[in-house]
Amino acid sequence: MGILDFILLGVSLSMDAFAIALCKGLCMHGGIKYRDALVISGFFGFFQFLMPVIGWVLGVRFEKYITSIDHWIAFALLGYLGGKMLWDAKHENVEDASSCPTDPKLDIKELLLMAIATSIDALAVGITLAFLSVNIWQSSSIIGITTFLISFAGVAIGNRFGTKFQKGAKVLGGSMLILIGVKILLEHLGILSF
């Protein structure tokens, strides 16, 4: 996997964070609050950086048991995560401004829980990365930075336009995860080489 693959992986993993950031931006009345946007983006970016590292550590510990089927595991995990994102996009209700809290202060505890919840799929990706012999610090940093930037953009877009891009973002992210999984499988089967 190259840098472009990690950027695409970061984009696809950040779609849940992007959707939440859109909603947070929608709830910022009177214009975007840049400090809050940085805090929101920082939480999402940090956990999208941290979770692949944790998954990688777990994957390395069990690598010797499953190296002969690692490409199938990567394909299955990414396919499942991508399919779940597509399913969620089809069946979710988009929030609107009426669901915003009346208190404009950021709830750090809620933000922490959302950042962890949206980065669980990055944990699974980290397990996959352990089988691909990649530099985990480089890949996790790219994923974290990409998520930070996309989350910040999500707050700004949500503040400006609302949640009309939320469903499309999840469809794009899910599709990208599935395509990356297929690419990994085809490369390991010798059908595709880059």
Foldseek 3Di string as FASTA:
>chain_A
DDPVLLLLLLLLLLLLLLLVLLVLLLQDPPAFDVVVLLVLLLLLLVLLLPLLVLLLVVLLVCCVVCLVCLLVLLLVLLLVVLVVLLVCLVPDDRDHNVPHDPDNDDDVVVSNVSSNVSNNSSNSVSSSVNSVPDDSNSSSNSSSVSSSVSSSVSSNCSNVPNNPCSSVSSNSSSVSSNVSSVVSNCVVVVNDDD
